[in-house]
Amino acid sequence: MRAKITYAVTAAVLVVYFVLVGSRGVLLIKHGTVLTVTFGVAVLILPVIGVWFLWQNTRFVQRANRLAAELEAEGGLPVDELKRTPSGRVDRDSADEVFARRKAETEDTPDDWRCWFRLAVAYHDARDTPRARKAMQRAIALREGRPVSA
């Protein structure tokens, strides 16, 4: 729940920022000189990119949450079996064991979104965000029946 609130607050702050930046871009364009119009257009591009990025991330989170809810309903959510140090960090040996099992599971059934979801969770628990995101994107694509690149 805390993550959802943090995400919502961050998204709201970004939207306010995009509106402020966009209004400055419009003011620059209204000024009418070649230089200010050029800068105004450049300034307007930034909020457009930001809105697109925020939209993509929001869709990703919604889809991942849908998969989590579906997997929970099936009773297939992964159990956190990673050993942790007293500070809360994941023990590398424990992580290697879990990754080996999860990878073997995805290699045995590469078209099962559930396996990719569990692998993504293992990566996330070990703070390997790029691999976690790629594995989750693959799980989402498989669940939605979209083609997946090898």
N, C-alpha and C. Protein backbone atom coordinates (compact mmCIF):
# COMPACT_ATOMS: atom_id res chain seq x y z
N MET A 1 0.83 -1.19 0.00
CA MET A 1 0.00 0.00 0.00
C MET A 1 0.87 1.25 0.00
N ARG A 2 1.96 1.19 0.76
CA ARG A 2 2.85 2.34 0.84
C ARG A 2 3.46 2.67 -0.53
N ALA A 3 3.78 1.62 -1.29
CA ALA A 3 4.36 1.83 -2.62
C ALA A 3 3.34 2.52 -3.54
N LYS A 4 2.06 2.14 -3.43
CA LYS A 4 1.03 2.76 -4.26
C LYS A 4 0.87 4.24 -3.93
N ILE A 5 0.90 4.56 -2.66
CA ILE A 5 0.78 5.96 -2.25
C ILE A 5 1.98 6.76 -2.74
N THR A 6 3.16 6.20 -2.57
CA THR A 6 4.37 6.88 -3.04
C THR A 6 4.32 7.10 -4.54
N TYR A 7 3.88 6.09 -5.28
CA TYR A 7 3.78 6.21 -6.73
C TYR A 7 2.77 7.28 -7.12
N ALA A 8 1.62 7.30 -6.45
CA ALA A 8 0.58 8.29 -6.76
C ALA A 8 1.06 9.71 -6.47
N VAL A 9 1.73 9.90 -5.34
CA VAL A 9 2.24 11.23 -5.00
C VAL A 9 3.31 11.67 -5.99
N THR A 10 4.21 10.77 -6.33
CA THR A 10 5.26 11.10 -7.30
C THR A 10 4.65 11.44 -8.65
N ALA A 11 3.67 10.66 -9.09
CA ALA A 11 3.02 10.93 -10.37
C ALA A 11 2.31 12.28 -10.35
N ALA A 12 1.65 12.60 -9.25
CA ALA A 12 0.95 13.89 -9.14
C ALA A 12 1.95 15.05 -9.18
N VAL A 13 3.05 14.92 -8.47
CA VAL A 13 4.08 15.97 -8.49
C VAL A 13 4.63 16.13 -9.90
N LEU A 14 4.86 15.03 -10.59
CA LEU A 14 5.36 15.11 -11.97
C LEU A 14 4.36 15.79 -12.89
N VAL A 15 3.08 15.48 -12.74
CA VAL A 15 2.06 16.12 -13.58
C VAL A 15 2.04 17.62 -13.34
N VAL A 16 2.12 18.05 -12.08
CA VAL A 16 2.18 19.49 -11.78
C VAL A 16 3.41 20.12 -12.42
N TYR A 17 4.53 19.43 -12.32
CA TYR A 17 5.77 19.92 -12.93
C TYR A 17 5.61 20.03 -14.45
N PHE A 18 5.00 19.02 -15.08
CA PHE A 18 4.81 19.06 -16.53
C PHE A 18 3.93 20.23 -16.93
N VAL A 19 2.89 20.51 -16.14
CA VAL A 19 2.01 21.64 -16.44
C VAL A 19 2.78 22.96 -16.32
N LEU A 20 3.57 23.09 -15.28
CA LEU A 20 4.35 24.32 -15.10
C LEU A 20 5.36 24.52 -16.23
N VAL A 21 6.07 23.47 -16.57
CA VAL A 21 7.05 23.56 -17.66
C VAL A 21 6.34 23.85 -18.98
N GLY A 22 5.21 23.18 -19.20
CA GLY A 22 4.45 23.41 -20.43
C GLY A 22 3.96 24.84 -20.54
N SER A 23 3.50 25.40 -19.43
CA SER A 23 3.02 26.79 -19.47
C SER A 23 4.17 27.75 -19.78
N ARG A 24 5.36 27.45 -19.29
CA ARG A 24 6.53 28.29 -19.61
C ARG A 24 6.86 28.19 -21.10
N GLY A 25 6.71 26.99 -21.65
CA GLY A 25 6.96 26.82 -23.08
C GLY A 25 5.98 27.62 -23.91
N VAL A 26 4.70 27.63 -23.50
CA VAL A 26 3.68 28.40 -24.21
C VAL A 26 4.00 29.89 -24.11
N LEU A 27 4.40 30.35 -22.93
CA LEU A 27 4.76 31.76 -22.77
C LEU A 27 5.93 32.15 -23.68
N LEU A 28 6.90 31.28 -23.77
CA LEU A 28 8.04 31.55 -24.66
C LEU A 28 7.59 31.64 -26.12
N ILE A 29 6.71 30.75 -26.52
CA ILE A 29 6.21 30.78 -27.90
C ILE A 29 5.41 32.05 -28.16
N LYS A 30 4.59 32.46 -27.18
CA LYS A 30 3.78 33.67 -27.33
C LYS A 30 4.63 34.93 -27.46
N HIS A 31 5.84 34.88 -26.91
CA HIS A 31 6.72 36.05 -26.99
C HIS A 31 7.02 36.39 -28.44
N GLY A 32 7.15 35.40 -29.30
CA GLY A 32 7.16 35.61 -30.73
C GLY A 32 8.49 35.76 -31.45
N THR A 33 9.59 35.85 -30.76
CA THR A 33 10.86 35.96 -31.49
C THR A 33 11.32 34.56 -31.91
N VAL A 34 12.19 34.52 -32.87
CA VAL A 34 12.68 33.23 -33.37
C VAL A 34 13.32 32.43 -32.22
N LEU A 35 14.11 33.09 -31.41
CA LEU A 35 14.81 32.43 -30.32
C LEU A 35 13.83 31.90 -29.26
N THR A 36 12.87 32.73 -28.85
CA THR A 36 11.94 32.28 -27.81
C THR A 36 10.99 31.20 -28.31
N VAL A 37 10.59 31.28 -29.58
CA VAL A 37 9.73 30.22 -30.15
C VAL A 37 10.50 28.91 -30.19
N THR A 38 11.77 28.97 -30.60
CA THR A 38 12.60 27.76 -30.64
C THR A 38 12.74 27.16 -29.24
N PHE A 39 13.05 28.00 -28.28
CA PHE A 39 13.17 27.51 -26.90
C PHE A 39 11.82 27.01 -26.37
N GLY A 40 10.75 27.70 -26.72
CA GLY A 40 9.42 27.29 -26.28
C GLY A 40 9.06 25.90 -26.78
N VAL A 41 9.33 25.66 -28.05
CA VAL A 41 9.06 24.33 -28.62
C VAL A 41 9.93 23.28 -27.92
N ALA A 42 11.20 23.60 -27.70
CA ALA A 42 12.10 22.66 -27.01
C ALA A 42 11.61 22.38 -25.59
N VAL A 43 11.13 23.41 -24.91
CA VAL A 43 10.63 23.24 -23.55
C VAL A 43 9.34 22.41 -23.55
N LEU A 44 8.51 22.54 -24.57
CA LEU A 44 7.27 21.75 -24.64
C LEU A 44 7.54 20.27 -24.91
N ILE A 45 8.66 19.97 -25.54
CA ILE A 45 8.99 18.57 -25.83
C ILE A 45 9.25 17.80 -24.54
N LEU A 46 9.87 18.45 -23.56
CA LEU A 46 10.20 17.76 -22.30
C LEU A 46 8.97 17.22 -21.57
N PRO A 47 7.91 18.02 -21.39
CA PRO A 47 6.72 17.45 -20.73
C PRO A 47 6.07 16.33 -21.54
N VAL A 48 6.13 16.44 -22.86
CA VAL A 48 5.55 15.38 -23.69
C VAL A 48 6.29 14.06 -23.44
N ILE A 49 7.60 14.12 -23.43
CA ILE A 49 8.40 12.92 -23.15
C ILE A 49 8.11 12.42 -21.73
N GLY A 50 8.02 13.33 -20.78
CA GLY A 50 7.74 12.95 -19.40
C GLY A 50 6.39 12.30 -19.24
N VAL A 51 5.37 12.84 -19.89
CA VAL A 51 4.02 12.27 -19.82
C VAL A 51 4.02 10.87 -20.44
N TRP A 52 4.70 10.72 -21.58
CA TRP A 52 4.78 9.41 -22.23
C TRP A 52 5.46 8.40 -21.29
N PHE A 53 6.57 8.79 -20.69
CA PHE A 53 7.31 7.92 -19.78
C PHE A 53 6.45 7.54 -18.57
N LEU A 54 5.77 8.51 -17.99
CA LEU A 54 4.89 8.25 -16.84
C LEU A 54 3.76 7.31 -17.24
N TRP A 55 3.18 7.53 -18.41
CA TRP A 55 2.09 6.68 -18.89
C TRP A 55 2.58 5.24 -19.08
N GLN A 56 3.74 5.06 -19.70
CA GLN A 56 4.29 3.72 -19.93
C GLN A 56 4.54 3.00 -18.60
N ASN A 57 5.11 3.71 -17.64
CA ASN A 57 5.38 3.10 -16.34
C ASN A 57 4.10 2.76 -15.59
N THR A 58 3.11 3.62 -15.69
CA THR A 58 1.84 3.37 -15.02
C THR A 58 1.17 2.13 -15.62
N ARG A 59 1.19 2.01 -16.94
CA ARG A 59 0.62 0.82 -17.59
C ARG A 59 1.37 -0.44 -17.18
N PHE A 60 2.70 -0.34 -17.09
CA PHE A 60 3.52 -1.49 -16.69
C PHE A 60 3.13 -1.95 -15.28
N VAL A 61 3.02 -0.99 -14.37
CA VAL A 61 2.68 -1.32 -12.98
C VAL A 61 1.28 -1.93 -12.90
N GLN A 62 0.32 -1.37 -13.63
CA GLN A 62 -1.03 -1.91 -13.62
C GLN A 62 -1.08 -3.34 -14.14
N ARG A 63 -0.37 -3.59 -15.23
CA ARG A 63 -0.35 -4.94 -15.79
C ARG A 63 0.33 -5.93 -14.85
N ALA A 64 1.45 -5.51 -14.26
CA ALA A 64 2.15 -6.39 -13.31
C ALA A 64 1.27 -6.68 -12.11
N ASN A 65 0.54 -5.68 -11.62
CA ASN A 65 -0.37 -5.89 -10.49
C ASN A 65 -1.51 -6.84 -10.85
N ARG A 66 -1.99 -6.76 -12.10
CA ARG A 66 -3.03 -7.68 -12.54
C ARG A 66 -2.52 -9.12 -12.53
N LEU A 67 -1.27 -9.29 -13.01
CA LEU A 67 -0.69 -10.64 -12.99
C LEU A 67 -0.54 -11.14 -11.56
N ALA A 68 -0.09 -10.26 -10.68
CA ALA A 68 0.07 -10.65 -9.27
C ALA A 68 -1.26 -11.07 -8.66
N ALA A 69 -2.32 -10.32 -8.96
CA ALA A 69 -3.64 -10.66 -8.43
C ALA A 69 -4.12 -11.99 -8.98
N GLU A 70 -3.89 -12.22 -10.26
CA GLU A 70 -4.31 -13.48 -10.87
C GLU A 70 -3.52 -14.65 -10.27
N LEU A 71 -2.23 -14.47 -10.11
CA LEU A 71 -1.40 -15.52 -9.55
C LEU A 71 -1.76 -15.79 -8.09
N GLU A 72 -2.09 -14.72 -7.37
CA GLU A 72 -2.51 -14.88 -5.97
C GLU A 72 -3.81 -15.68 -5.88
N ALA A 73 -4.73 -15.38 -6.79
CA ALA A 73 -6.01 -16.10 -6.81
C ALA A 73 -5.80 -17.59 -7.09
N GLU A 74 -4.76 -17.89 -7.89
CA GLU A 74 -4.45 -19.29 -8.20
C GLU A 74 -3.63 -19.95 -7.09
N GLY A 75 -3.15 -19.15 -6.15
CA GLY A 75 -2.29 -19.67 -5.10
C GLY A 75 -0.86 -19.90 -5.56
N GLY A 76 -0.45 -19.19 -6.59
CA GLY A 76 0.88 -19.42 -7.18
C GLY A 76 1.89 -18.32 -6.96
N LEU A 77 1.58 -17.38 -6.06
CA LEU A 77 2.57 -16.33 -5.79
C LEU A 77 3.82 -16.95 -5.18
N PRO A 78 5.00 -16.45 -5.59
CA PRO A 78 6.23 -17.03 -5.04
C PRO A 78 6.40 -16.70 -3.57
N VAL A 79 6.96 -17.65 -2.85
CA VAL A 79 7.27 -17.45 -1.45
C VAL A 79 8.66 -16.85 -1.38
N ASP A 80 8.83 -15.86 -0.51
CA ASP A 80 10.16 -15.26 -0.34
C ASP A 80 11.03 -16.23 0.44
N GLU A 81 11.89 -16.92 -0.29
CA GLU A 81 12.74 -17.91 0.34
C GLU A 81 14.20 -17.48 0.39
N LEU A 82 14.44 -16.20 0.13
CA LEU A 82 15.80 -15.69 0.15
C LEU A 82 16.24 -15.42 1.59
N LYS A 83 17.42 -15.88 1.92
CA LYS A 83 17.97 -15.59 3.24
C LYS A 83 18.51 -14.17 3.21
N ARG A 84 18.40 -13.50 4.34
CA ARG A 84 18.83 -12.11 4.42
C ARG A 84 19.85 -11.91 5.53
N THR A 85 20.67 -10.90 5.34
CA THR A 85 21.63 -10.53 6.37
C THR A 85 20.89 -9.76 7.45
N PRO A 86 21.50 -9.52 8.60
CA PRO A 86 20.82 -8.74 9.64
C PRO A 86 20.38 -7.35 9.17
N SER A 87 21.08 -6.80 8.19
CA SER A 87 20.69 -5.47 7.68
C SER A 87 19.53 -5.53 6.70
N GLY A 88 19.13 -6.75 6.31
CA GLY A 88 18.00 -6.89 5.40
C GLY A 88 18.39 -7.17 3.96
N ARG A 89 19.68 -7.11 3.67
CA ARG A 89 20.13 -7.39 2.30
C ARG A 89 20.04 -8.88 2.01
N VAL A 90 19.85 -9.19 0.74
CA VAL A 90 19.74 -10.58 0.32
C VAL A 90 21.12 -11.24 0.37
N ASP A 91 21.15 -12.44 0.95
CA ASP A 91 22.38 -13.24 0.98
C ASP A 91 22.63 -13.76 -0.43
N ARG A 92 23.81 -13.51 -0.98
CA ARG A 92 24.12 -13.86 -2.37
C ARG A 92 24.00 -15.35 -2.63
N ASP A 93 24.47 -16.18 -1.71
CA ASP A 93 24.39 -17.63 -1.91
C ASP A 93 22.93 -18.09 -2.00
N SER A 94 22.10 -17.53 -1.14
CA SER A 94 20.68 -17.85 -1.15
C SER A 94 20.06 -17.39 -2.47
N ALA A 95 20.43 -16.21 -2.92
CA ALA A 95 19.89 -15.67 -4.17
C ALA A 95 20.30 -16.54 -5.35
N ASP A 96 21.54 -16.99 -5.37
CA ASP A 96 22.01 -17.84 -6.47
C ASP A 96 21.21 -19.13 -6.55
N GLU A 97 20.88 -19.70 -5.38
CA GLU A 97 20.07 -20.93 -5.34
C GLU A 97 18.69 -20.69 -5.93
N VAL A 98 18.06 -19.61 -5.49
CA VAL A 98 16.71 -19.30 -5.96
C VAL A 98 16.72 -18.99 -7.45
N PHE A 99 17.71 -18.20 -7.90
CA PHE A 99 17.79 -17.88 -9.32
C PHE A 99 17.98 -19.14 -10.16
N ALA A 100 18.80 -20.06 -9.68
CA ALA A 100 19.03 -21.30 -10.42
C ALA A 100 17.71 -22.07 -10.58
N ARG A 101 16.92 -22.15 -9.50
CA ARG A 101 15.63 -22.85 -9.58
C ARG A 101 14.65 -22.12 -10.50
N ARG A 102 14.59 -20.79 -10.34
CA ARG A 102 13.65 -20.01 -11.16
C ARG A 102 14.04 -20.05 -12.64
N LYS A 103 15.34 -19.97 -12.92
CA LYS A 103 15.80 -20.02 -14.32
C LYS A 103 15.52 -21.39 -14.91
N ALA A 104 15.76 -22.44 -14.14
CA ALA A 104 15.47 -23.79 -14.62
C ALA A 104 13.98 -23.93 -14.92
N GLU A 105 13.16 -23.34 -14.05
CA GLU A 105 11.71 -23.38 -14.24
C GLU A 105 11.31 -22.68 -15.54
N THR A 106 11.91 -21.51 -15.81
CA THR A 106 11.58 -20.78 -17.04
C THR A 106 12.14 -21.47 -18.27
N GLU A 107 13.27 -22.16 -18.13
CA GLU A 107 13.82 -22.90 -19.27
C GLU A 107 12.98 -24.12 -19.58
N ASP A 108 12.42 -24.75 -18.55
CA ASP A 108 11.56 -25.92 -18.76
C ASP A 108 10.23 -25.53 -19.41
N THR A 109 9.69 -24.40 -19.00
CA THR A 109 8.41 -23.93 -19.56
C THR A 109 8.54 -22.45 -19.95
N PRO A 110 9.25 -22.18 -21.06
CA PRO A 110 9.53 -20.79 -21.43
C PRO A 110 8.31 -19.97 -21.86
N ASP A 111 7.19 -20.64 -22.12
CA ASP A 111 5.99 -19.91 -22.55
C ASP A 111 4.98 -19.72 -21.43
N ASP A 112 5.38 -20.03 -20.20
CA ASP A 112 4.48 -19.87 -19.05
C ASP A 112 4.78 -18.54 -18.36
N TRP A 113 3.83 -17.64 -18.41
CA TRP A 113 4.02 -16.31 -17.83
C TRP A 113 4.25 -16.39 -16.33
N ARG A 114 3.68 -17.41 -15.68
CA ARG A 114 3.83 -17.56 -14.23
C ARG A 114 5.30 -17.74 -13.84
N CYS A 115 6.01 -18.53 -14.62
CA CYS A 115 7.45 -18.77 -14.34
C CYS A 115 8.23 -17.47 -14.47
N TRP A 116 7.92 -16.70 -15.52
CA TRP A 116 8.62 -15.44 -15.73
C TRP A 116 8.28 -14.43 -14.63
N PHE A 117 7.04 -14.47 -14.17
CA PHE A 117 6.65 -13.59 -13.06
C PHE A 117 7.47 -13.91 -11.82
N ARG A 118 7.56 -15.21 -11.49
CA ARG A 118 8.32 -15.61 -10.30
C ARG A 118 9.80 -15.27 -10.44
N LEU A 119 10.34 -15.40 -11.66
CA LEU A 119 11.74 -15.01 -11.89
C LEU A 119 11.91 -13.51 -11.69
N ALA A 120 10.95 -12.72 -12.17
CA ALA A 120 11.01 -11.27 -12.01
C ALA A 120 11.01 -10.89 -10.52
N VAL A 121 10.18 -11.58 -9.74
CA VAL A 121 10.13 -11.31 -8.30
C VAL A 121 11.46 -11.64 -7.64
N ALA A 122 12.07 -12.74 -8.05
CA ALA A 122 13.38 -13.11 -7.48
C ALA A 122 14.43 -12.05 -7.82
N TYR A 123 14.43 -11.59 -9.06
CA TYR A 123 15.36 -10.52 -9.44
C TYR A 123 15.10 -9.25 -8.63
N HIS A 124 13.82 -8.92 -8.47
CA HIS A 124 13.47 -7.71 -7.72
C HIS A 124 13.92 -7.81 -6.27
N ASP A 125 13.71 -8.96 -5.67
CA ASP A 125 14.13 -9.16 -4.28
C ASP A 125 15.64 -9.00 -4.11
N ALA A 126 16.37 -9.37 -5.16
CA ALA A 126 17.83 -9.24 -5.11
C ALA A 126 18.31 -7.88 -5.60
N ARG A 127 17.37 -6.97 -5.83
CA ARG A 127 17.67 -5.60 -6.27
C ARG A 127 18.33 -5.54 -7.65
N ASP A 128 17.99 -6.47 -8.51
CA ASP A 128 18.47 -6.45 -9.89
C ASP A 128 17.31 -5.94 -10.75
N THR A 129 17.09 -4.64 -10.69
CA THR A 129 15.93 -4.02 -11.32
C THR A 129 15.87 -4.21 -12.84
N PRO A 130 16.97 -4.02 -13.57
CA PRO A 130 16.86 -4.20 -15.03
C PRO A 130 16.39 -5.60 -15.44
N ARG A 131 16.95 -6.63 -14.81
CA ARG A 131 16.53 -8.00 -15.14
C ARG A 131 15.11 -8.27 -14.65
N ALA A 132 14.76 -7.72 -13.51
CA ALA A 132 13.40 -7.90 -12.99
C ALA A 132 12.39 -7.30 -13.96
N ARG A 133 12.68 -6.11 -14.45
CA ARG A 133 11.77 -5.44 -15.37
C ARG A 133 11.63 -6.21 -16.67
N LYS A 134 12.75 -6.70 -17.21
CA LYS A 134 12.69 -7.47 -18.46
C LYS A 134 11.90 -8.77 -18.28
N ALA A 135 12.13 -9.44 -17.17
CA ALA A 135 11.40 -10.68 -16.91
C ALA A 135 9.91 -10.39 -16.75
N MET A 136 9.57 -9.31 -16.07
CA MET A 136 8.16 -8.96 -15.88
C MET A 136 7.52 -8.55 -17.22
N GLN A 137 8.26 -7.82 -18.05
CA GLN A 137 7.73 -7.46 -19.37
C GLN A 137 7.43 -8.71 -20.19
N ARG A 138 8.32 -9.68 -20.07
CA ARG A 138 8.10 -10.94 -20.79
C ARG A 138 6.87 -11.66 -20.24
N ALA A 139 6.71 -11.68 -18.92
CA ALA A 139 5.54 -12.31 -18.31
C ALA A 139 4.26 -11.63 -18.78
N ILE A 140 4.27 -10.32 -18.83
CA ILE A 140 3.10 -9.56 -19.28
C ILE A 140 2.78 -9.89 -20.74
N ALA A 141 3.80 -9.87 -21.57
CA ALA A 141 3.60 -10.16 -23.00
C ALA A 141 3.05 -11.58 -23.20
N LEU A 142 3.61 -12.54 -22.48
CA LEU A 142 3.12 -13.92 -22.59
C LEU A 142 1.67 -14.03 -22.14
N ARG A 143 1.34 -13.38 -21.03
CA ARG A 143 -0.04 -13.43 -20.51
C ARG A 143 -1.02 -12.80 -21.47
N GLU A 144 -0.59 -11.73 -22.15
CA GLU A 144 -1.48 -11.03 -23.08
C GLU A 144 -1.47 -11.65 -24.46
N GLY A 145 -0.65 -12.69 -24.64
CA GLY A 145 -0.62 -13.38 -25.93
C GLY A 145 0.14 -12.63 -27.01
N ARG A 146 0.95 -11.67 -26.58
CA ARG A 146 1.75 -10.93 -27.57
C ARG A 146 3.03 -11.69 -27.88
N PRO A 147 3.60 -11.48 -29.06
CA PRO A 147 4.85 -12.16 -29.39
C PRO A 147 6.00 -11.67 -28.50
N VAL A 148 6.89 -12.59 -28.18
CA VAL A 148 8.02 -12.26 -27.31
C VAL A 148 9.30 -12.53 -28.08
N SER A 149 10.24 -11.60 -27.94
CA SER A 149 11.53 -11.80 -28.59
C SER A 149 12.36 -12.77 -27.77
N ALA A 150 13.19 -13.53 -28.44
CA ALA A 150 14.00 -14.55 -27.76
C ALA A 150 15.12 -13.98 -26.96
